[in-house]
């Protein structure tokens, strides 16, 4: 929760206590400064200040660890799944039945050479997406072969 310093009496207050502080103890309070980001708010502007910098940003500064952005899911994801499924079908039509590992390596090679490989894609994520794109009806129970039907 965000904490503020009263500009009049210098008391430290949590956000949910600022209103009662203005009514009861410090009626002349008009400015409140956020402890975390050191921003000053006049009047009731502090109510819109719900979050600011994290502790990691505050104490680590430029040395904080930045998370890699994750691939967004949604409509774009379903289109990509369909493209990967068509790619797998194309390879199976050309080569017939294949071992799933060979199919995976061929699919990755084809994907990287095609115009579908737009944007940075981690190889491990691509492997899992390609494996998930193989239709169940193409797999066999007794061997590790994938057959186009």
N, C-alpha and C. Protein backbone atom coordinates (compact mmCIF):
# COMPACT_ATOMS: atom_id res chain seq x y z
N UNK A 1 0.85 -1.18 0.00
CA UNK A 1 0.00 0.00 0.00
C UNK A 1 0.89 1.24 0.00
N UNK A 2 0.43 2.28 -0.63
CA UNK A 2 1.17 3.53 -0.75
C UNK A 2 1.08 4.30 0.57
N UNK A 3 2.20 4.89 0.98
CA UNK A 3 2.23 5.74 2.18
C UNK A 3 2.62 7.15 1.80
N UNK A 4 2.09 8.12 2.55
CA UNK A 4 2.32 9.53 2.28
C UNK A 4 2.83 10.23 3.53
N UNK A 5 3.54 11.35 3.32
CA UNK A 5 3.95 12.23 4.41
C UNK A 5 3.09 13.48 4.31
N UNK A 6 2.46 13.85 5.42
CA UNK A 6 1.63 15.05 5.47
C UNK A 6 2.55 16.27 5.34
N UNK A 7 2.21 17.19 4.43
CA UNK A 7 3.01 18.38 4.22
C UNK A 7 2.91 19.39 5.35
N UNK A 8 1.91 19.26 6.20
CA UNK A 8 1.69 20.20 7.29
C UNK A 8 2.38 19.75 8.58
N UNK A 9 2.13 18.49 9.02
CA UNK A 9 2.66 18.04 10.31
C UNK A 9 3.74 16.97 10.18
N UNK A 10 4.07 16.54 8.97
CA UNK A 10 5.11 15.56 8.68
C UNK A 10 4.80 14.15 9.20
N UNK A 11 3.54 13.84 9.49
CA UNK A 11 3.17 12.49 9.90
C UNK A 11 3.20 11.57 8.68
N UNK A 12 3.56 10.31 8.90
CA UNK A 12 3.54 9.30 7.84
C UNK A 12 2.20 8.57 7.93
N UNK A 13 1.49 8.54 6.80
CA UNK A 13 0.14 7.97 6.78
C UNK A 13 -0.01 6.98 5.64
N UNK A 14 -0.71 5.88 5.90
CA UNK A 14 -1.09 4.99 4.81
C UNK A 14 -2.23 5.66 4.06
N UNK A 15 -2.40 5.28 2.80
CA UNK A 15 -3.37 5.95 1.95
C UNK A 15 -4.78 5.94 2.53
N UNK A 16 -5.17 4.83 3.15
CA UNK A 16 -6.53 4.74 3.67
C UNK A 16 -6.75 5.58 4.93
N UNK A 17 -5.69 6.15 5.52
CA UNK A 17 -5.81 6.97 6.73
C UNK A 17 -5.70 8.47 6.45
N UNK A 18 -5.42 8.85 5.21
CA UNK A 18 -5.21 10.27 4.89
C UNK A 18 -6.48 11.09 5.10
N UNK A 19 -7.63 10.58 4.65
CA UNK A 19 -8.88 11.33 4.81
C UNK A 19 -9.21 11.58 6.27
N UNK A 20 -9.09 10.56 7.11
CA UNK A 20 -9.39 10.74 8.53
C UNK A 20 -8.37 11.66 9.20
N UNK A 21 -7.14 11.69 8.72
CA UNK A 21 -6.11 12.59 9.24
C UNK A 21 -6.50 14.04 8.95
N UNK A 22 -7.02 14.29 7.75
CA UNK A 22 -7.41 15.66 7.35
C UNK A 22 -8.63 16.14 8.15
N UNK A 23 -9.53 15.26 8.47
CA UNK A 23 -10.75 15.64 9.20
C UNK A 23 -10.46 15.81 10.69
N UNK A 24 -9.66 14.93 11.25
CA UNK A 24 -9.46 14.94 12.70
C UNK A 24 -8.24 15.69 13.16
N UNK A 25 -7.07 15.22 12.86
CA UNK A 25 -5.85 15.71 13.48
C UNK A 25 -5.27 16.94 12.81
N UNK A 26 -5.26 16.98 11.51
CA UNK A 26 -4.54 18.04 10.79
C UNK A 26 -5.45 18.67 9.75
N UNK A 27 -6.27 19.59 10.14
CA UNK A 27 -7.27 20.19 9.24
C UNK A 27 -6.65 21.08 8.17
N UNK A 28 -5.43 21.54 8.37
CA UNK A 28 -4.77 22.42 7.40
C UNK A 28 -3.96 21.66 6.35
N UNK A 29 -4.00 20.34 6.41
CA UNK A 29 -3.19 19.54 5.47
C UNK A 29 -3.72 19.71 4.05
N UNK A 30 -2.82 20.01 3.12
CA UNK A 30 -3.20 20.18 1.73
C UNK A 30 -2.24 19.46 0.79
N UNK A 31 -1.02 19.20 1.24
CA UNK A 31 -0.02 18.52 0.42
C UNK A 31 0.37 17.20 1.06
N UNK A 32 0.50 16.18 0.21
CA UNK A 32 0.93 14.87 0.67
C UNK A 32 2.00 14.37 -0.30
N UNK A 33 3.10 13.87 0.24
CA UNK A 33 4.21 13.39 -0.57
C UNK A 33 4.31 11.87 -0.45
N UNK A 34 4.36 11.20 -1.59
CA UNK A 34 4.50 9.74 -1.61
C UNK A 34 5.89 9.37 -1.13
N UNK A 35 5.98 8.43 -0.23
CA UNK A 35 7.28 8.02 0.32
C UNK A 35 8.10 7.28 -0.74
N UNK A 36 7.46 6.47 -1.56
CA UNK A 36 8.19 5.65 -2.53
C UNK A 36 8.76 6.44 -3.70
N UNK A 37 7.93 7.25 -4.34
CA UNK A 37 8.39 7.93 -5.55
C UNK A 37 8.68 9.41 -5.34
N UNK A 38 8.44 9.91 -4.13
CA UNK A 38 8.75 11.29 -3.75
C UNK A 38 7.96 12.32 -4.57
N UNK A 39 6.77 11.95 -5.02
CA UNK A 39 5.89 12.88 -5.75
C UNK A 39 4.97 13.57 -4.75
N UNK A 40 4.74 14.87 -4.95
CA UNK A 40 3.87 15.63 -4.06
C UNK A 40 2.52 15.84 -4.73
N UNK A 41 1.46 15.60 -3.97
CA UNK A 41 0.09 15.72 -4.46
C UNK A 41 -0.64 16.78 -3.65
N UNK A 42 -1.38 17.64 -4.34
CA UNK A 42 -2.15 18.68 -3.66
C UNK A 42 -3.61 18.29 -3.59
N UNK A 43 -4.26 18.67 -2.51
CA UNK A 43 -5.68 18.40 -2.34
C UNK A 43 -5.98 16.92 -2.31
N UNK A 44 -6.92 16.52 -3.17
CA UNK A 44 -7.34 15.12 -3.19
C UNK A 44 -6.68 14.33 -4.33
N UNK A 45 -5.66 14.88 -4.94
CA UNK A 45 -4.97 14.20 -6.04
C UNK A 45 -4.33 12.89 -5.59
N UNK A 46 -3.99 12.77 -4.31
CA UNK A 46 -3.34 11.56 -3.80
C UNK A 46 -4.25 10.34 -3.98
N UNK A 47 -5.54 10.53 -4.08
CA UNK A 47 -6.48 9.41 -4.22
C UNK A 47 -6.26 8.64 -5.53
N UNK A 48 -5.77 9.33 -6.55
CA UNK A 48 -5.52 8.67 -7.84
C UNK A 48 -4.18 7.96 -7.89
N UNK A 49 -3.36 8.14 -6.87
CA UNK A 49 -2.03 7.54 -6.83
C UNK A 49 -2.13 6.17 -6.15
N UNK A 50 -2.36 5.12 -6.93
CA UNK A 50 -2.57 3.79 -6.38
C UNK A 50 -1.30 2.97 -6.27
N UNK A 51 -0.39 3.16 -7.19
CA UNK A 51 0.87 2.42 -7.14
C UNK A 51 1.94 3.26 -7.83
N UNK A 52 3.16 3.03 -7.43
CA UNK A 52 4.27 3.73 -8.08
C UNK A 52 5.41 2.74 -8.24
N UNK A 53 6.61 3.11 -7.94
CA UNK A 53 7.75 2.22 -8.16
C UNK A 53 7.73 1.08 -7.15
N UNK A 54 8.28 -0.05 -7.55
CA UNK A 54 8.36 -1.20 -6.67
C UNK A 54 9.58 -1.07 -5.77
N UNK A 55 9.66 -1.91 -4.76
CA UNK A 55 10.83 -1.89 -3.88
C UNK A 55 12.10 -2.20 -4.67
N UNK A 56 11.99 -3.14 -5.61
CA UNK A 56 13.16 -3.50 -6.41
C UNK A 56 13.65 -2.30 -7.22
N UNK A 57 12.74 -1.54 -7.81
CA UNK A 57 13.13 -0.35 -8.56
C UNK A 57 13.73 0.70 -7.64
N UNK A 58 13.16 0.83 -6.45
CA UNK A 58 13.60 1.86 -5.52
C UNK A 58 15.01 1.58 -5.00
N UNK A 59 15.27 0.34 -4.61
CA UNK A 59 16.54 0.03 -3.96
C UNK A 59 17.61 -0.48 -4.91
N UNK A 60 17.23 -1.04 -6.07
CA UNK A 60 18.22 -1.55 -7.01
C UNK A 60 18.52 -0.58 -8.14
N UNK A 61 17.59 0.32 -8.43
CA UNK A 61 17.81 1.32 -9.47
C UNK A 61 18.05 0.68 -10.82
N UNK A 62 19.14 1.07 -11.46
CA UNK A 62 19.42 0.58 -12.81
C UNK A 62 19.89 -0.87 -12.82
N UNK A 63 20.14 -1.46 -11.64
CA UNK A 63 20.61 -2.83 -11.56
C UNK A 63 19.48 -3.84 -11.40
N UNK A 64 18.24 -3.38 -11.44
CA UNK A 64 17.12 -4.31 -11.25
C UNK A 64 17.02 -5.26 -12.43
N UNK A 65 16.52 -6.45 -12.15
CA UNK A 65 16.36 -7.47 -13.18
C UNK A 65 15.10 -7.18 -13.99
N UNK A 66 15.25 -7.18 -15.29
CA UNK A 66 14.12 -6.91 -16.18
C UNK A 66 13.63 -8.24 -16.72
N UNK A 67 12.32 -8.49 -16.61
CA UNK A 67 11.73 -9.72 -17.13
C UNK A 67 11.55 -9.58 -18.64
N UNK A 68 11.78 -10.69 -19.32
CA UNK A 68 11.54 -10.71 -20.76
C UNK A 68 10.04 -10.65 -21.00
N UNK A 69 9.62 -9.89 -22.01
CA UNK A 69 8.18 -9.87 -22.30
C UNK A 69 7.74 -11.24 -22.82
N UNK A 70 6.61 -11.69 -22.36
CA UNK A 70 6.10 -12.98 -22.78
C UNK A 70 5.28 -12.82 -24.05
N UNK A 71 5.22 -13.88 -24.80
CA UNK A 71 4.43 -13.87 -26.02
C UNK A 71 2.96 -13.78 -25.65
N UNK A 72 2.26 -12.83 -26.22
CA UNK A 72 0.85 -12.66 -25.88
C UNK A 72 0.01 -13.74 -26.55
N UNK A 73 -1.01 -14.18 -25.84
CA UNK A 73 -1.93 -15.17 -26.38
C UNK A 73 -3.18 -14.46 -26.86
N UNK A 74 -3.94 -15.11 -27.67
CA UNK A 74 -5.18 -14.49 -28.15
C UNK A 74 -5.43 -14.86 -29.59
N UNK A 75 -5.99 -13.93 -30.34
CA UNK A 75 -6.34 -14.19 -31.74
C UNK A 75 -5.09 -14.49 -32.55
N UNK A 76 -3.99 -13.80 -32.25
CA UNK A 76 -2.74 -14.02 -32.96
C UNK A 76 -2.24 -15.44 -32.71
N UNK A 77 -2.44 -15.95 -31.52
CA UNK A 77 -2.00 -17.28 -31.15
C UNK A 77 -2.75 -18.35 -31.94
N UNK A 78 -4.04 -18.20 -32.11
CA UNK A 78 -4.82 -19.20 -32.85
C UNK A 78 -4.42 -19.21 -34.33
N UNK A 79 -4.09 -18.04 -34.88
CA UNK A 79 -3.64 -17.99 -36.27
C UNK A 79 -2.29 -18.71 -36.41
N UNK A 80 -1.40 -18.50 -35.44
CA UNK A 80 -0.09 -19.14 -35.49
C UNK A 80 -0.24 -20.66 -35.36
N UNK A 81 -1.15 -21.12 -34.49
CA UNK A 81 -1.37 -22.56 -34.34
C UNK A 81 -1.83 -23.17 -35.65
N UNK A 82 -2.72 -22.48 -36.34
CA UNK A 82 -3.21 -22.98 -37.62
C UNK A 82 -2.08 -23.02 -38.65
N UNK A 83 -1.22 -22.00 -38.66
CA UNK A 83 -0.08 -21.97 -39.58
C UNK A 83 0.87 -23.13 -39.30
N UNK A 84 1.12 -23.40 -38.02
CA UNK A 84 2.02 -24.50 -37.66
C UNK A 84 1.42 -25.84 -38.04
N UNK A 85 0.12 -26.00 -37.87
CA UNK A 85 -0.55 -27.24 -38.25
C UNK A 85 -0.44 -27.46 -39.76
N UNK A 86 -0.64 -26.40 -40.54
CA UNK A 86 -0.51 -26.50 -42.00
C UNK A 86 0.93 -26.83 -42.41
N UNK A 87 1.89 -26.27 -41.69
CA UNK A 87 3.30 -26.56 -41.96
C UNK A 87 3.59 -28.04 -41.72
N UNK A 88 3.09 -28.58 -40.63
CA UNK A 88 3.30 -30.00 -40.31
C UNK A 88 2.64 -30.88 -41.36
N UNK A 89 1.43 -30.54 -41.77
CA UNK A 89 0.74 -31.31 -42.81
C UNK A 89 1.52 -31.29 -44.12
N UNK A 90 2.07 -30.14 -44.47
CA UNK A 90 2.85 -30.00 -45.71
C UNK A 90 4.07 -30.92 -45.67
N UNK A 91 4.77 -30.95 -44.55
CA UNK A 91 5.96 -31.79 -44.42
C UNK A 91 5.59 -33.27 -44.46
N UNK A 92 4.49 -33.64 -43.80
CA UNK A 92 4.07 -35.04 -43.80
C UNK A 92 3.59 -35.49 -45.17
N UNK A 93 2.91 -34.61 -45.92
CA UNK A 93 2.49 -34.95 -47.28
C UNK A 93 3.70 -35.22 -48.17
N UNK A 94 4.74 -34.42 -47.98
CA UNK A 94 5.95 -34.54 -48.80
C UNK A 94 6.74 -35.80 -48.44
N UNK A 95 6.86 -36.11 -47.15
CA UNK A 95 7.73 -37.20 -46.70
C UNK A 95 7.01 -38.47 -46.27
N UNK A 96 5.71 -38.45 -46.17
CA UNK A 96 4.99 -39.63 -45.68
C UNK A 96 5.08 -39.69 -44.16
N UNK A 97 5.13 -40.90 -43.62
CA UNK A 97 5.22 -41.03 -42.16
C UNK A 97 6.65 -40.75 -41.71
N UNK A 98 6.77 -40.15 -40.53
CA UNK A 98 8.08 -39.77 -40.00
C UNK A 98 8.12 -40.01 -38.50
N UNK A 99 9.31 -40.18 -37.99
CA UNK A 99 9.54 -40.18 -36.56
C UNK A 99 9.24 -38.77 -36.05
N UNK A 100 8.63 -38.64 -34.87
CA UNK A 100 8.22 -37.32 -34.40
C UNK A 100 9.40 -36.38 -34.17
N UNK A 101 10.57 -36.92 -33.80
CA UNK A 101 11.75 -36.06 -33.59
C UNK A 101 12.23 -35.49 -34.92
N UNK A 102 12.22 -36.34 -35.95
CA UNK A 102 12.63 -35.86 -37.27
C UNK A 102 11.63 -34.84 -37.80
N UNK A 103 10.34 -35.11 -37.56
CA UNK A 103 9.29 -34.17 -37.97
C UNK A 103 9.50 -32.82 -37.28
N UNK A 104 9.84 -32.86 -36.01
CA UNK A 104 10.06 -31.64 -35.25
C UNK A 104 11.24 -30.85 -35.82
N UNK A 105 12.36 -31.53 -36.08
CA UNK A 105 13.53 -30.81 -36.62
C UNK A 105 13.26 -30.27 -38.02
N UNK A 106 12.56 -31.04 -38.86
CA UNK A 106 12.19 -30.56 -40.20
C UNK A 106 11.26 -29.35 -40.11
N UNK A 107 10.31 -29.40 -39.18
CA UNK A 107 9.35 -28.31 -39.02
C UNK A 107 10.05 -27.03 -38.57
N UNK A 108 10.98 -27.17 -37.64
CA UNK A 108 11.72 -25.99 -37.16
C UNK A 108 12.54 -25.39 -38.29
N UNK A 109 13.21 -26.26 -39.05
CA UNK A 109 14.02 -25.79 -40.17
C UNK A 109 13.15 -25.06 -41.19
N UNK A 110 12.02 -25.66 -41.54
CA UNK A 110 11.10 -25.07 -42.51
C UNK A 110 10.53 -23.75 -41.98
N UNK A 111 10.19 -23.74 -40.70
CA UNK A 111 9.61 -22.53 -40.09
C UNK A 111 10.62 -21.38 -40.12
N UNK A 112 11.86 -21.68 -39.76
CA UNK A 112 12.90 -20.63 -39.74
C UNK A 112 13.23 -20.12 -41.14
N UNK A 113 13.11 -20.98 -42.14
CA UNK A 113 13.40 -20.56 -43.52
C UNK A 113 12.23 -19.83 -44.17
N UNK A 114 11.03 -20.02 -43.64
CA UNK A 114 9.86 -19.42 -44.26
C UNK A 114 9.66 -17.99 -43.79
N UNK A 115 8.69 -17.34 -44.35
CA UNK A 115 8.39 -15.97 -43.96
C UNK A 115 7.59 -15.91 -42.66
N UNK A 116 7.23 -17.07 -42.08
CA UNK A 116 6.49 -17.09 -40.81
C UNK A 116 7.38 -16.69 -39.64
N UNK A 117 8.68 -16.86 -39.79
CA UNK A 117 9.59 -16.60 -38.68
C UNK A 117 9.85 -15.11 -38.53
N UNK A 118 8.81 -14.38 -38.18
CA UNK A 118 8.91 -12.95 -37.96
C UNK A 118 8.97 -12.72 -36.46
N UNK A 119 9.89 -11.93 -36.00
CA UNK A 119 10.01 -11.67 -34.56
C UNK A 119 10.86 -12.73 -33.90
N UNK A 120 11.41 -12.38 -32.76
CA UNK A 120 12.27 -13.30 -32.03
C UNK A 120 11.47 -14.41 -31.36
N UNK A 121 11.77 -15.61 -31.72
CA UNK A 121 11.07 -16.75 -31.14
C UNK A 121 12.11 -17.66 -30.52
N UNK A 122 11.95 -18.00 -29.28
CA UNK A 122 12.89 -18.91 -28.65
C UNK A 122 12.66 -20.30 -29.21
N UNK A 123 13.74 -21.01 -29.46
CA UNK A 123 13.68 -22.32 -30.07
C UNK A 123 12.89 -23.30 -29.22
N UNK A 124 13.04 -23.23 -27.89
CA UNK A 124 12.34 -24.15 -27.00
C UNK A 124 10.83 -23.93 -27.07
N UNK A 125 10.40 -22.68 -27.08
CA UNK A 125 8.96 -22.39 -27.20
C UNK A 125 8.42 -22.88 -28.54
N UNK A 126 9.19 -22.71 -29.58
CA UNK A 126 8.77 -23.15 -30.90
C UNK A 126 8.60 -24.67 -30.93
N UNK A 127 9.52 -25.40 -30.29
CA UNK A 127 9.41 -26.86 -30.24
C UNK A 127 8.10 -27.28 -29.59
N UNK A 128 7.78 -26.67 -28.47
CA UNK A 128 6.55 -27.04 -27.76
C UNK A 128 5.31 -26.68 -28.57
N UNK A 129 5.33 -25.54 -29.22
CA UNK A 129 4.17 -25.16 -30.04
C UNK A 129 4.00 -26.09 -31.23
N UNK A 130 5.12 -26.49 -31.84
CA UNK A 130 5.03 -27.42 -32.96
C UNK A 130 4.50 -28.77 -32.51
N UNK A 131 4.99 -29.26 -31.38
CA UNK A 131 4.50 -30.54 -30.86
C UNK A 131 3.01 -30.48 -30.55
N UNK A 132 2.57 -29.36 -30.01
CA UNK A 132 1.15 -29.20 -29.68
C UNK A 132 0.31 -29.08 -30.94
N UNK A 133 0.92 -28.70 -32.06
CA UNK A 133 0.17 -28.51 -33.31
C UNK A 133 -0.03 -29.80 -34.09
N UNK A 134 0.63 -30.89 -33.68
CA UNK A 134 0.45 -32.17 -34.37
C UNK A 134 -0.91 -32.73 -33.98
N UNK A 135 -1.81 -32.92 -34.93
CA UNK A 135 -3.12 -33.47 -34.59
C UNK A 135 -2.99 -34.88 -34.00
N UNK A 136 -3.80 -35.19 -33.01
CA UNK A 136 -3.76 -36.49 -32.34
C UNK A 136 -4.02 -37.62 -33.33
N UNK A 137 -4.88 -37.38 -34.30
CA UNK A 137 -5.22 -38.44 -35.25
C UNK A 137 -4.02 -38.83 -36.13
N UNK A 138 -2.97 -38.03 -36.15
CA UNK A 138 -1.78 -38.35 -36.94
C UNK A 138 -0.80 -39.22 -36.17
N UNK A 139 -0.97 -39.36 -34.88
CA UNK A 139 -0.02 -40.11 -34.05
C UNK A 139 -0.43 -41.58 -33.96
N UNK A 140 0.54 -42.43 -33.65
CA UNK A 140 0.27 -43.86 -33.47
C UNK A 140 0.55 -44.24 -32.04
N UNK A 141 -0.22 -45.22 -31.54
CA UNK A 141 -0.06 -45.64 -30.14
C UNK A 141 1.14 -46.55 -29.95
N UNK A 142 1.43 -47.39 -30.92
CA UNK A 142 2.46 -48.41 -30.73
C UNK A 142 3.86 -47.97 -31.15
N UNK A 143 4.02 -46.82 -31.79
CA UNK A 143 5.36 -46.36 -32.17
C UNK A 143 5.42 -44.84 -32.05
N UNK A 144 6.60 -44.31 -32.29
CA UNK A 144 6.78 -42.86 -32.21
C UNK A 144 6.70 -42.21 -33.59
N UNK A 145 5.90 -42.81 -34.46
CA UNK A 145 5.75 -42.31 -35.81
C UNK A 145 4.54 -41.38 -35.90
N UNK A 146 4.64 -40.41 -36.81
CA UNK A 146 3.54 -39.51 -37.12
C UNK A 146 3.17 -39.76 -38.58
N UNK A 147 1.89 -40.04 -38.82
CA UNK A 147 1.43 -40.42 -40.15
C UNK A 147 0.37 -39.43 -40.61
N UNK A 148 0.51 -38.93 -41.84
CA UNK A 148 -0.49 -38.01 -42.41
C UNK A 148 -1.68 -38.82 -42.88
N UNK A 149 -2.87 -38.45 -42.39
CA UNK A 149 -4.10 -39.17 -42.78
C UNK A 149 -5.03 -38.26 -43.52
